[in-house]
Amino acid sequence: MKLGKELMLFSVVSIVFLAGCAGAPESATGTGVIIKSFAPDLTSVEGGSQVVMTVVVKNVGARAAGTAISGISASGVGATLFGLSNEWGGVTTSKVITSSLAAADPATGLPGEEASIDWTLTTPTGKGSDVTYDASVRVNYTYSTISDALLRFVTTDYERTNPNIQKGVISSETTAGPLSITIFARTPTVSGATRIGKLQFEIQNVGGGRVGNETIAGLDIIREIKVVGVTPTAGGTVGQCGGKKDADDASDKVITLNDVRLAAGKSKIISCDVDVGAITNFQDIALNITANYQFFVDSATQATVLRALQ
């Protein structure tokens, strides 16, 4: 009898525990807009009849998708249907799914926004046997990735007296999205004569799609990268981080890079010289990097048109 009571108590505790986990808020996972599903309403259909192709998308990143951002005008979240043979009727290839998709809000528990769009199509006439047709969809949108880091540069003299001091990247955080940004301090120890440190940041495509606007000239191109907090070492001229000083920044601590290409569509490493100034012992520098770009992802499905009855 005692064992039965213990089992009942364990069951009640388990139910309470599971119930508490069910309402956990959704957080951004890092891949921007995903295609949740793309499929016809009927996978097998008679010739000359209607079939509806539906694509469902969701923003699982930490930034709004499809909105106007620096360097890129507003274009919304769009979808292009392609791959079906010319026998299909009613194919309107490109559509705007929605003007924008909001990101997840962990503070309120709201998930990332979803949207969908349909294509109502007419199938080809039936042939002598069943024919399976391929269809593909491409979803494109604008997005941004933001990385904030705190870097510590230490003088050689101070490091001799305090060899265990923490230096380099003290903290770093990047918003979830199709691109990730990783920051490295290449030379966190600077000499008293030059006061010049070196840092690198790597931008990687982690979104399962491609960066760019689908044209040959625009493929794998990040339209704009803005680096805030780095003082140019040569009067803000070209050469610092491969970019130039932002004309609107009076403090000379904003550098803008345009049309940065990802090698093989995968990654790009950018190096910067940092003028840490006349520091005493060590200097912490707040660094902000914002990448603005277009991105697209693909998905595929099939529909079978049944053979014509003889």
C-alpha atoms as a PDB file:
ATOM      1  CA  MET A   1       0.000   0.000   0.000  1.00  0.00           C
ATOM      2  CA  LYS A   2       2.849   2.350   0.833  1.00  0.00           C
ATOM      3  CA  LEU A   3       4.498   1.570  -2.526  1.00  0.00           C
ATOM      4  CA  GLY A   4       1.264   2.434  -4.329  1.00  0.00           C
ATOM      5  CA  LYS A   5       1.140   5.866  -2.661  1.00  0.00           C
ATOM      6  CA  GLU A   6       4.739   6.561  -3.613  1.00  0.00           C
ATOM      7  CA  LEU A   7       4.036   5.670  -7.229  1.00  0.00           C
ATOM      8  CA  MET A   8       0.990   7.966  -7.275  1.00  0.00           C
ATOM      9  CA  LEU A   9       3.067  10.811  -5.814  1.00  0.00           C
ATOM     10  CA  PHE A  10       5.799  10.263  -8.425  1.00  0.00           C
ATOM     11  CA  SER A  11       3.194  10.349 -11.207  1.00  0.00           C
ATOM     12  CA  VAL A  12       1.739  13.634  -9.939  1.00  0.00           C
ATOM     13  CA  VAL A  13       5.212  15.218  -9.720  1.00  0.00           C
ATOM     14  CA  SER A  14       6.017  14.028 -13.253  1.00  0.00           C
ATOM     15  CA  ILE A  15       2.797  15.546 -14.632  1.00  0.00           C
ATOM     16  CA  VAL A  16       3.504  18.883 -12.945  1.00  0.00           C
ATOM     17  CA  PHE A  17       7.077  18.889 -14.273  1.00  0.00           C
ATOM     18  CA  LEU A  18       5.979  18.167 -17.855  1.00  0.00           C
ATOM     19  CA  ALA A  19       3.222  20.766 -17.673  1.00  0.00           C
ATOM     20  CA  GLY A  20       5.741  23.372 -16.555  1.00  0.00           C
ATOM     21  CA  CYS A  21       7.988  22.609 -19.551  1.00  0.00           C
ATOM     22  CA  ALA A  22       5.191  22.842 -22.116  1.00  0.00           C
ATOM     23  CA  GLY A  23       4.828  26.616 -21.940  1.00  0.00           C
ATOM     24  CA  ALA A  24       8.504  27.541 -22.360  1.00  0.00           C
ATOM     25  CA  PRO A  25       9.011  30.641 -24.536  1.00  0.00           C
ATOM     26  CA  GLU A  26      10.476  30.166 -27.987  1.00  0.00           C
ATOM     27  CA  SER A  27      13.886  31.643 -28.714  1.00  0.00           C
ATOM     28  CA  ALA A  28      15.699  32.365 -31.971  1.00  0.00           C
ATOM     29  CA  THR A  29      17.633  29.392 -33.343  1.00  0.00           C
ATOM     30  CA  GLY A  30      19.867  31.050 -35.888  1.00  0.00           C
ATOM     31  CA  THR A  31      18.730  30.309 -39.432  1.00  0.00           C
ATOM     32  CA  GLY A  32      16.509  33.254 -40.331  1.00  0.00           C
ATOM     33  CA  VAL A  33      13.486  32.402 -42.476  1.00  0.00           C
ATOM     34  CA  ILE A  34      12.912  28.678 -42.994  1.00  0.00           C
ATOM     35  CA  ILE A  35      10.511  26.859 -45.304  1.00  0.00           C
ATOM     36  CA  LYS A  36       8.351  24.824 -42.936  1.00  0.00           C
ATOM     37  CA  SER A  37       6.531  23.050 -45.738  1.00  0.00           C
ATOM     38  CA  PHE A  38       6.058  23.108 -49.499  1.00  0.00           C
ATOM     39  CA  ALA A  39       3.605  20.634 -51.002  1.00  0.00           C
ATOM     40  CA  PRO A  40       0.537  20.206 -53.228  1.00  0.00           C
ATOM     41  CA  ASP A  41      -2.825  19.624 -51.585  1.00  0.00           C
ATOM     42  CA  LEU A  42      -3.041  16.374 -53.610  1.00  0.00           C
ATOM     43  CA  THR A  43       0.050  14.337 -54.431  1.00  0.00           C
ATOM     44  CA  SER A  44      -1.835  12.315 -57.084  1.00  0.00           C
ATOM     45  CA  VAL A  45      -4.364  14.058 -59.292  1.00  0.00           C
ATOM     46  CA  GLU A  46      -6.179  13.549 -62.580  1.00  0.00           C
ATOM     47  CA  GLY A  47      -5.113  15.377 -65.713  1.00  0.00           C
ATOM     48  CA  GLY A  48      -6.784  18.704 -66.488  1.00  0.00           C
ATOM     49  CA  SER A  49      -7.803  19.306 -62.867  1.00  0.00           C
ATOM     50  CA  GLN A  50      -6.747  21.829 -60.263  1.00  0.00           C
ATOM     51  CA  VAL A  51      -4.039  21.403 -57.650  1.00  0.00           C
ATOM     52  CA  VAL A  52      -2.925  23.942 -55.027  1.00  0.00           C
ATOM     53  CA  MET A  53       0.761  24.321 -54.178  1.00  0.00           C
ATOM     54  CA  THR A  54       1.333  25.907 -50.758  1.00  0.00           C
ATOM     55  CA  VAL A  55       4.533  27.165 -49.159  1.00  0.00           C
ATOM     56  CA  VAL A  56       4.662  27.937 -45.423  1.00  0.00           C
ATOM     57  CA  VAL A  57       7.559  30.019 -44.036  1.00  0.00           C
ATOM     58  CA  LYS A  58       8.627  31.011 -40.526  1.00  0.00           C
ATOM     59  CA  ASN A  59      11.166  33.434 -39.094  1.00  0.00           C
ATOM     60  CA  VAL A  60      13.248  31.538 -36.519  1.00  0.00           C
ATOM     61  CA  GLY A  61      16.013  34.162 -36.308  1.00  0.00           C
ATOM     62  CA  ALA A  62      16.375  37.143 -33.985  1.00  0.00           C
ATOM     63  CA  ARG A  63      15.709  39.954 -36.487  1.00  0.00           C
ATOM     64  CA  ALA A  64      12.733  40.983 -38.606  1.00  0.00           C
ATOM     65  CA  ALA A  65      12.819  39.595 -42.154  1.00  0.00           C
ATOM     66  CA  GLY A  66      11.863  41.361 -45.358  1.00  0.00           C
ATOM     67  CA  THR A  67      12.059  44.930 -44.075  1.00  0.00           C
ATOM     68  CA  ALA A  68      14.078  47.788 -45.546  1.00  0.00           C
ATOM     69  CA  ILE A  69      17.594  47.921 -44.102  1.00  0.00           C
ATOM     70  CA  SER A  70      20.679  49.991 -44.815  1.00  0.00           C
ATOM     71  CA  GLY A  71      21.888  49.406 -48.360  1.00  0.00           C
ATOM     72  CA  ILE A  72      18.814  47.373 -49.389  1.00  0.00           C
ATOM     73  CA  SER A  73      15.314  48.664 -50.151  1.00  0.00           C
ATOM     74  CA  ALA A  74      12.196  46.981 -48.746  1.00  0.00           C
ATOM     75  CA  SER A  75      11.152  43.964 -50.803  1.00  0.00           C
ATOM     76  CA  GLY A  76       9.217  41.860 -48.320  1.00  0.00           C
ATOM     77  CA  VAL A  77       9.440  38.088 -48.116  1.00  0.00           C
ATOM     78  CA  GLY A  78       8.919  36.699 -51.620  1.00  0.00           C
ATOM     79  CA  ALA A  79       8.534  33.287 -53.215  1.00  0.00           C
ATOM     80  CA  THR A  80       9.276  32.045 -56.733  1.00  0.00           C
ATOM     81  CA  LEU A  81       7.723  28.848 -58.098  1.00  0.00           C
ATOM     82  CA  PHE A  82       9.766  27.083 -60.782  1.00  0.00           C
ATOM     83  CA  GLY A  83      10.549  23.681 -62.291  1.00  0.00           C
ATOM     84  CA  LEU A  84       7.092  22.644 -63.525  1.00  0.00           C
ATOM     85  CA  SER A  85       6.794  21.840 -67.225  1.00  0.00           C
ATOM     86  CA  ASN A  86       5.171  24.302 -69.626  1.00  0.00           C
ATOM     87  CA  GLU A  87       2.089  22.038 -69.761  1.00  0.00           C
ATOM     88  CA  TRP A  88       0.913  23.337 -66.402  1.00  0.00           C
ATOM     89  CA  GLY A  89      -1.563  26.210 -66.405  1.00  0.00           C
ATOM     90  CA  GLY A  90      -1.916  29.189 -64.082  1.00  0.00           C
ATOM     91  CA  VAL A  91       1.730  29.339 -63.042  1.00  0.00           C
ATOM     92  CA  THR A  92       2.499  32.821 -61.718  1.00  0.00           C
ATOM     93  CA  THR A  93       6.117  32.369 -60.786  1.00  0.00           C
ATOM     94  CA  SER A  94       6.863  35.158 -58.281  1.00  0.00           C
ATOM     95  CA  LYS A  95       4.684  36.353 -55.418  1.00  0.00           C
ATOM     96  CA  VAL A  96       5.127  38.419 -52.265  1.00  0.00           C
ATOM     97  CA  ILE A  97       4.279  36.248 -49.264  1.00  0.00           C
ATOM     98  CA  THR A  98       4.244  39.127 -46.776  1.00  0.00           C
ATOM     99  CA  SER A  99       5.792  42.559 -46.296  1.00  0.00           C
ATOM    100  CA  SER A 100       7.767  41.355 -43.263  1.00  0.00           C
ATOM    101  CA  LEU A 101       8.091  38.522 -40.733  1.00  0.00           C
ATOM    102  CA  ALA A 102       8.621  39.390 -37.069  1.00  0.00           C
ATOM    103  CA  ALA A 103      11.267  37.532 -35.069  1.00  0.00           C
ATOM    104  CA  ALA A 104      10.605  35.441 -31.978  1.00  0.00           C
ATOM    105  CA  ASP A 105      10.203  37.381 -28.724  1.00  0.00           C
ATOM    106  CA  PRO A 106      11.444  35.237 -25.812  1.00  0.00           C
ATOM    107  CA  ALA A 107      10.404  37.916 -23.285  1.00  0.00           C
ATOM    108  CA  THR A 108       6.719  37.488 -24.136  1.00  0.00           C
ATOM    109  CA  GLY A 109       6.907  33.878 -25.314  1.00  0.00           C
ATOM    110  CA  LEU A 110       5.791  34.762 -28.839  1.00  0.00           C
ATOM    111  CA  PRO A 111       7.266  32.512 -31.553  1.00  0.00           C
ATOM    112  CA  GLY A 112       8.646  33.820 -34.814  1.00  0.00           C
ATOM    113  CA  GLU A 113       5.980  34.935 -37.276  1.00  0.00           C
ATOM    114  CA  GLU A 114       4.673  32.545 -39.944  1.00  0.00           C
ATOM    115  CA  ALA A 115       3.065  33.197 -43.329  1.00  0.00           C
ATOM    116  CA  SER A 116       1.998  31.200 -46.387  1.00  0.00           C
ATOM    117  CA  ILE A 117       0.966  31.623 -50.001  1.00  0.00           C
ATOM    118  CA  ASP A 118      -0.768  29.420 -52.577  1.00  0.00           C
ATOM    119  CA  TRP A 119      -0.525  28.776 -56.286  1.00  0.00           C
ATOM    120  CA  THR A 120      -3.713  27.375 -57.856  1.00  0.00           C
ATOM    121  CA  LEU A 121      -2.573  25.396 -60.906  1.00  0.00           C
ATOM    122  CA  THR A 122      -4.123  23.346 -63.681  1.00  0.00           C
ATOM    123  CA  THR A 123      -2.442  19.992 -64.288  1.00  0.00           C
ATOM    124  CA  PRO A 124      -1.475  18.739 -67.768  1.00  0.00           C
ATOM    125  CA  THR A 125      -3.726  16.263 -69.544  1.00  0.00           C
ATOM    126  CA  GLY A 126      -3.149  12.667 -68.569  1.00  0.00           C
ATOM    127  CA  LYS A 127      -0.676  10.601 -70.594  1.00  0.00           C
ATOM    128  CA  GLY A 128      -0.513   6.887 -71.290  1.00  0.00           C
ATOM    129  CA  SER A 129       1.023   6.331 -67.839  1.00  0.00           C
ATOM    130  CA  ASP A 130       1.332   8.165 -64.557  1.00  0.00           C
ATOM    131  CA  VAL A 131       3.751  11.115 -64.783  1.00  0.00           C
ATOM    132  CA  THR A 132       5.483  12.639 -61.720  1.00  0.00           C
ATOM    133  CA  TYR A 133       6.369  16.320 -62.052  1.00  0.00           C
ATOM    134  CA  ASP A 134       8.977  18.189 -59.991  1.00  0.00           C
ATOM    135  CA  ALA A 135       8.285  21.625 -58.523  1.00  0.00           C
ATOM    136  CA  SER A 136      10.648  23.920 -56.618  1.00  0.00           C
ATOM    137  CA  VAL A 137      10.180  27.095 -54.621  1.00  0.00           C
ATOM    138  CA  ARG A 138      12.687  29.785 -53.692  1.00  0.00           C
ATOM    139  CA  VAL A 139      12.008  32.105 -50.755  1.00  0.00           C
ATOM    140  CA  ASN A 140      14.008  35.352 -50.647  1.00  0.00           C
ATOM    141  CA  TYR A 141      14.172  38.100 -48.034  1.00  0.00           C
ATOM    142  CA  THR A 142      16.326  40.833 -46.512  1.00  0.00           C
ATOM    143  CA  TYR A 143      17.981  40.298 -43.121  1.00  0.00           C
ATOM    144  CA  SER A 144      20.604  41.681 -40.764  1.00  0.00           C
ATOM    145  CA  THR A 145      23.032  40.125 -38.283  1.00  0.00           C
ATOM    146  CA  ILE A 146      24.453  42.152 -35.393  1.00  0.00           C
ATOM    147  CA  SER A 147      27.459  41.267 -33.263  1.00  0.00           C
ATOM    148  CA  ASP A 148      28.578  43.126 -30.138  1.00  0.00           C
ATOM    149  CA  ALA A 149      31.908  42.440 -28.461  1.00  0.00           C
ATOM    150  CA  LEU A 150      34.138  43.897 -25.764  1.00  0.00           C
ATOM    151  CA  LEU A 151      37.861  43.705 -26.566  1.00  0.00           C
ATOM    152  CA  ARG A 152      40.720  44.303 -24.169  1.00  0.00           C
ATOM    153  CA  PHE A 153      44.123  45.454 -25.404  1.00  0.00           C
ATOM    154  CA  VAL A 154      46.994  45.315 -22.902  1.00  0.00           C
ATOM    155  CA  THR A 155      50.353  47.091 -23.053  1.00  0.00           C
ATOM    156  CA  THR A 156      53.504  44.979 -23.035  1.00  0.00           C
ATOM    157  CA  ASP A 157      54.746  46.769 -19.919  1.00  0.00           C
ATOM    158  CA  TYR A 158      51.571  46.031 -17.965  1.00  0.00           C
ATOM    159  CA  GLU A 159      51.520  42.394 -19.055  1.00  0.00           C
ATOM    160  CA  ARG A 160      54.983  41.931 -17.524  1.00  0.00           C
ATOM    161  CA  THR A 161      53.661  43.058 -14.139  1.00  0.00           C
ATOM    162  CA  ASN A 162      50.312  41.286 -14.464  1.00  0.00           C
ATOM    163  CA  PRO A 163      50.792  38.238 -16.742  1.00  0.00           C
ATOM    164  CA  ASN A 164      47.428  36.701 -15.778  1.00  0.00           C
ATOM    165  CA  ILE A 165      45.281  39.619 -16.897  1.00  0.00           C
ATOM    166  CA  GLN A 166      42.386  38.685 -19.171  1.00  0.00           C
ATOM    167  CA  LYS A 167      42.862  40.109 -22.641  1.00  0.00           C
ATOM    168  CA  GLY A 168      41.475  39.778 -26.142  1.00  0.00           C
ATOM    169  CA  VAL A 169      37.734  39.110 -26.480  1.00  0.00           C
ATOM    170  CA  ILE A 170      36.176  39.656 -23.045  1.00  0.00           C
ATOM    171  CA  SER A 171      32.609  39.096 -24.217  1.00  0.00           C
ATOM    172  CA  SER A 172      30.867  38.558 -27.562  1.00  0.00           C
ATOM    173  CA  GLU A 173      27.272  38.008 -28.663  1.00  0.00           C
ATOM    174  CA  THR A 174      25.709  37.704 -32.122  1.00  0.00           C
ATOM    175  CA  THR A 175      22.042  37.760 -33.080  1.00  0.00           C
ATOM    176  CA  ALA A 176      20.652  34.516 -34.522  1.00  0.00           C
ATOM    177  CA  GLY A 177      20.257  34.507 -38.297  1.00  0.00           C
ATOM    178  CA  PRO A 178      21.478  33.041 -41.602  1.00  0.00           C
ATOM    179  CA  LEU A 179      24.926  34.563 -41.038  1.00  0.00           C
ATOM    180  CA  SER A 180      27.073  34.250 -37.933  1.00  0.00           C
ATOM    181  CA  ILE A 181      29.877  36.594 -36.889  1.00  0.00           C
ATOM    182  CA  THR A 182      32.871  35.478 -34.800  1.00  0.00           C
ATOM    183  CA  ILE A 183      35.387  38.042 -33.517  1.00  0.00           C
ATOM    184  CA  PHE A 184      39.049  37.307 -32.713  1.00  0.00           C
ATOM    185  CA  ALA A 185      41.740  39.530 -31.173  1.00  0.00           C
ATOM    186  CA  ARG A 186      44.890  38.692 -33.133  1.00  0.00           C
ATOM    187  CA  THR A 187      47.276  40.867 -31.136  1.00  0.00           C
ATOM    188  CA  PRO A 188      45.657  41.800 -27.811  1.00  0.00           C
ATOM    189  CA  THR A 189      49.064  42.914 -26.494  1.00  0.00           C
ATOM    190  CA  VAL A 190      50.279  46.214 -27.958  1.00  0.00           C
ATOM    191  CA  SER A 191      53.638  47.923 -27.712  1.00  0.00           C
ATOM    192  CA  GLY A 192      54.090  51.326 -26.156  1.00  0.00           C
ATOM    193  CA  ALA A 193      55.535  52.670 -29.404  1.00  0.00           C
ATOM    194  CA  THR A 194      52.854  51.725 -31.924  1.00  0.00           C
ATOM    195  CA  ARG A 195      49.677  51.228 -29.843  1.00  0.00           C
ATOM    196  CA  ILE A 196      48.241  49.303 -32.794  1.00  0.00           C
ATOM    197  CA  GLY A 197      46.334  46.091 -32.211  1.00  0.00           C
ATOM    198  CA  LYS A 198      44.921  43.679 -34.776  1.00  0.00           C
ATOM    199  CA  LEU A 199      41.560  41.976 -34.781  1.00  0.00           C
ATOM    200  CA  GLN A 200      39.691  39.713 -37.176  1.00  0.00           C
ATOM    201  CA  PHE A 201      36.087  38.808 -37.606  1.00  0.00           C
ATOM    202  CA  GLU A 202      34.744  35.879 -39.606  1.00  0.00           C
ATOM    203  CA  ILE A 203      31.321  35.912 -41.237  1.00  0.00           C
ATOM    204  CA  GLN A 204      29.904  32.463 -42.007  1.00  0.00           C
ATOM    205  CA  ASN A 205      26.823  31.313 -43.895  1.00  0.00           C
ATOM    206  CA  VAL A 206      24.943  29.008 -41.489  1.00  0.00           C
ATOM    207  CA  GLY A 207      21.468  29.427 -42.963  1.00  0.00           C
ATOM    208  CA  GLY A 208      21.280  26.524 -45.400  1.00  0.00           C
ATOM    209  CA  GLY A 209      20.759  28.872 -48.372  1.00  0.00           C
ATOM    210  CA  ARG A 210      22.694  31.545 -50.260  1.00  0.00           C
ATOM    211  CA  VAL A 211      23.464  35.187 -49.668  1.00  0.00           C
ATOM    212  CA  GLY A 212      22.571  37.618 -52.451  1.00  0.00           C
ATOM    213  CA  ASN A 213      19.859  38.599 -54.889  1.00  0.00           C
ATOM    214  CA  GLU A 214      20.135  35.558 -57.204  1.00  0.00           C
ATOM    215  CA  THR A 215      21.864  37.410 -60.057  1.00  0.00           C
ATOM    216  CA  ILE A 216      25.413  36.453 -61.010  1.00  0.00           C
ATOM    217  CA  ALA A 217      26.669  39.882 -59.956  1.00  0.00           C
ATOM    218  CA  GLY A 218      24.813  39.788 -56.642  1.00  0.00           C
ATOM    219  CA  LEU A 219      25.273  36.163 -55.592  1.00  0.00           C
ATOM    220  CA  ASP A 220      27.199  35.604 -52.322  1.00  0.00           C
ATOM    221  CA  ILE A 221      27.447  39.380 -51.795  1.00  0.00           C
ATOM    222  CA  ILE A 222      26.825  41.034 -48.419  1.00  0.00           C
ATOM    223  CA  ARG A 223      25.571  44.473 -49.384  1.00  0.00           C
ATOM    224  CA  GLU A 224      26.865  46.319 -46.333  1.00  0.00           C
ATOM    225  CA  ILE A 225      28.973  45.659 -43.238  1.00  0.00           C
ATOM    226  CA  LYS A 226      29.271  48.483 -40.729  1.00  0.00           C
ATOM    227  CA  VAL A 227      32.007  48.334 -38.073  1.00  0.00           C
ATOM    228  CA  VAL A 228      31.487  50.698 -35.136  1.00  0.00           C
ATOM    229  CA  GLY A 229      34.146  51.318 -32.497  1.00  0.00           C
ATOM    230  CA  VAL A 230      37.321  50.891 -34.550  1.00  0.00           C
ATOM    231  CA  THR A 231      39.488  53.980 -34.926  1.00  0.00           C
ATOM    232  CA  PRO A 232      41.098  54.030 -38.414  1.00  0.00           C
ATOM    233  CA  THR A 233      44.876  53.985 -38.324  1.00  0.00           C
ATOM    234  CA  ALA A 234      45.524  55.938 -41.512  1.00  0.00           C
ATOM    235  CA  GLY A 235      43.145  58.861 -41.303  1.00  0.00           C
ATOM    236  CA  GLY A 236      40.173  56.722 -42.207  1.00  0.00           C
ATOM    237  CA  THR A 237      41.333  56.011 -45.731  1.00  0.00           C
ATOM    238  CA  VAL A 238      40.772  52.833 -47.738  1.00  0.00           C
ATOM    239  CA  GLY A 239      42.742  49.940 -46.294  1.00  0.00           C
ATOM    240  CA  GLN A 240      41.373  49.868 -42.752  1.00  0.00           C
ATOM    241  CA  CYS A 241      39.328  46.651 -42.584  1.00  0.00           C
ATOM    242  CA  GLY A 242      39.260  46.818 -46.376  1.00  0.00           C
ATOM    243  CA  GLY A 243      36.736  49.629 -46.126  1.00  0.00           C
ATOM    244  CA  LYS A 244      36.563  53.355 -45.525  1.00  0.00           C
ATOM    245  CA  LYS A 245      35.524  55.790 -42.836  1.00  0.00           C
ATOM    246  CA  ASP A 246      31.810  56.540 -42.708  1.00  0.00           C
ATOM    247  CA  ALA A 247      31.307  60.135 -43.884  1.00  0.00           C
ATOM    248  CA  ASP A 248      28.582  60.756 -41.292  1.00  0.00           C
ATOM    249  CA  ASP A 249      30.721  59.794 -38.298  1.00  0.00           C
ATOM    250  CA  ALA A 250      32.551  62.728 -36.764  1.00  0.00           C
ATOM    251  CA  SER A 251      34.452  60.533 -34.303  1.00  0.00           C
ATOM    252  CA  ASP A 252      36.150  58.495 -37.046  1.00  0.00           C
ATOM    253  CA  LYS A 253      34.979  55.270 -35.374  1.00  0.00           C
ATOM    254  CA  VAL A 254      32.615  53.951 -38.046  1.00  0.00           C
ATOM    255  CA  ILE A 255      33.872  52.028 -41.066  1.00  0.00           C
ATOM    256  CA  THR A 256      31.552  50.855 -43.847  1.00  0.00           C
ATOM    257  CA  LEU A 257      32.322  47.951 -46.192  1.00  0.00           C
ATOM    258  CA  ASN A 258      30.138  47.464 -49.263  1.00  0.00           C
ATOM    259  CA  ASP A 259      29.592  44.422 -51.506  1.00  0.00           C
ATOM    260  CA  VAL A 260      31.670  41.958 -49.497  1.00  0.00           C
ATOM    261  CA  ARG A 261      31.840  38.542 -51.170  1.00  0.00           C
ATOM    262  CA  LEU A 262      31.745  35.281 -49.202  1.00  0.00           C
ATOM    263  CA  ALA A 263      34.333  32.807 -50.495  1.00  0.00           C
ATOM    264  CA  ALA A 264      32.473  29.914 -52.169  1.00  0.00           C
ATOM    265  CA  GLY A 265      29.327  31.331 -50.614  1.00  0.00           C
ATOM    266  CA  LYS A 266      30.490  30.121 -47.199  1.00  0.00           C
ATOM    267  CA  SER A 267      32.694  32.542 -45.259  1.00  0.00           C
ATOM    268  CA  LYS A 268      34.788  35.698 -45.214  1.00  0.00           C
ATOM    269  CA  ILE A 269      37.575  36.753 -42.832  1.00  0.00           C
ATOM    270  CA  ILE A 270      38.176  40.497 -42.468  1.00  0.00           C
ATOM    271  CA  SER A 271      41.191  41.941 -40.645  1.00  0.00           C
ATOM    272  CA  CYS A 272      41.364  45.313 -38.905  1.00  0.00           C
ATOM    273  CA  ASP A 273      44.100  47.424 -37.395  1.00  0.00           C
ATOM    274  CA  VAL A 274      42.921  49.092 -34.197  1.00  0.00           C
ATOM    275  CA  ASP A 275      44.416  52.368 -32.970  1.00  0.00           C
ATOM    276  CA  VAL A 276      43.997  51.945 -29.216  1.00  0.00           C
ATOM    277  CA  GLY A 277      45.488  55.378 -28.506  1.00  0.00           C
ATOM    278  CA  ALA A 278      47.688  56.442 -25.603  1.00  0.00           C
ATOM    279  CA  ILE A 279      46.458  53.892 -23.079  1.00  0.00           C
ATOM    280  CA  THR A 280      47.638  53.266 -19.539  1.00  0.00           C
ATOM    281  CA  ASN A 281      48.104  49.560 -18.820  1.00  0.00           C
ATOM    282  CA  PHE A 282      45.051  48.334 -20.780  1.00  0.00           C
ATOM    283  CA  GLN A 283      42.103  49.620 -22.788  1.00  0.00           C
ATOM    284  CA  ASP A 284      38.643  48.046 -23.337  1.00  0.00           C
ATOM    285  CA  ILE A 285      37.050  48.756 -26.705  1.00  0.00           C
ATOM    286  CA  ALA A 286      33.365  48.154 -27.488  1.00  0.00           C
ATOM    287  CA  LEU A 287      32.927  46.815 -31.017  1.00  0.00           C
ATOM    288  CA  ASN A 288      29.681  46.566 -32.985  1.00  0.00           C
ATOM    289  CA  ILE A 289      29.413  44.855 -36.373  1.00  0.00           C
ATOM    290  CA  THR A 290      26.212  44.932 -38.443  1.00  0.00           C
ATOM    291  CA  ALA A 291      25.840  42.950 -41.669  1.00  0.00           C
ATOM    292  CA  ASN A 292      22.915  43.789 -43.979  1.00  0.00           C
ATOM    293  CA  TYR A 293      22.136  41.366 -46.790  1.00  0.00           C
ATOM    294  CA  GLN A 294      19.643  39.431 -48.884  1.00  0.00           C
ATOM    295  CA  PHE A 295      19.185  35.686 -48.475  1.00  0.00           C
ATOM    296  CA  PHE A 296      17.258  32.890 -50.170  1.00  0.00           C
ATOM    297  CA  VAL A 297      16.410  29.251 -49.443  1.00  0.00           C
ATOM    298  CA  ASP A 298      14.956  26.527 -51.697  1.00  0.00           C
ATOM    299  CA  SER A 299      12.651  23.555 -51.290  1.00  0.00           C
ATOM    300  CA  ALA A 300      11.226  20.944 -53.670  1.00  0.00           C
ATOM    301  CA  THR A 301       8.157  18.721 -53.977  1.00  0.00           C
ATOM    302  CA  GLN A 302       6.400  16.458 -56.494  1.00  0.00           C
ATOM    303  CA  ALA A 303       2.929  15.905 -57.892  1.00  0.00           C
ATOM    304  CA  THR A 304       1.808  12.903 -59.931  1.00  0.00           C
ATOM    305  CA  VAL A 305      -0.711  13.275 -62.774  1.00  0.00           C
ATOM    306  CA  LEU A 306      -2.559   9.974 -63.229  1.00  0.00           C
ATOM    307  CA  ARG A 307      -2.684   8.279 -66.621  1.00  0.00           C
ATOM    308  CA  ALA A 308      -5.632   9.016 -68.867  1.00  0.00           C
ATOM    309  CA  LEU A 309      -8.361   6.382 -68.823  1.00  0.00           C
ATOM    310  CA  GLN A 310      -8.604   4.491 -72.129  1.00  0.00           C
END
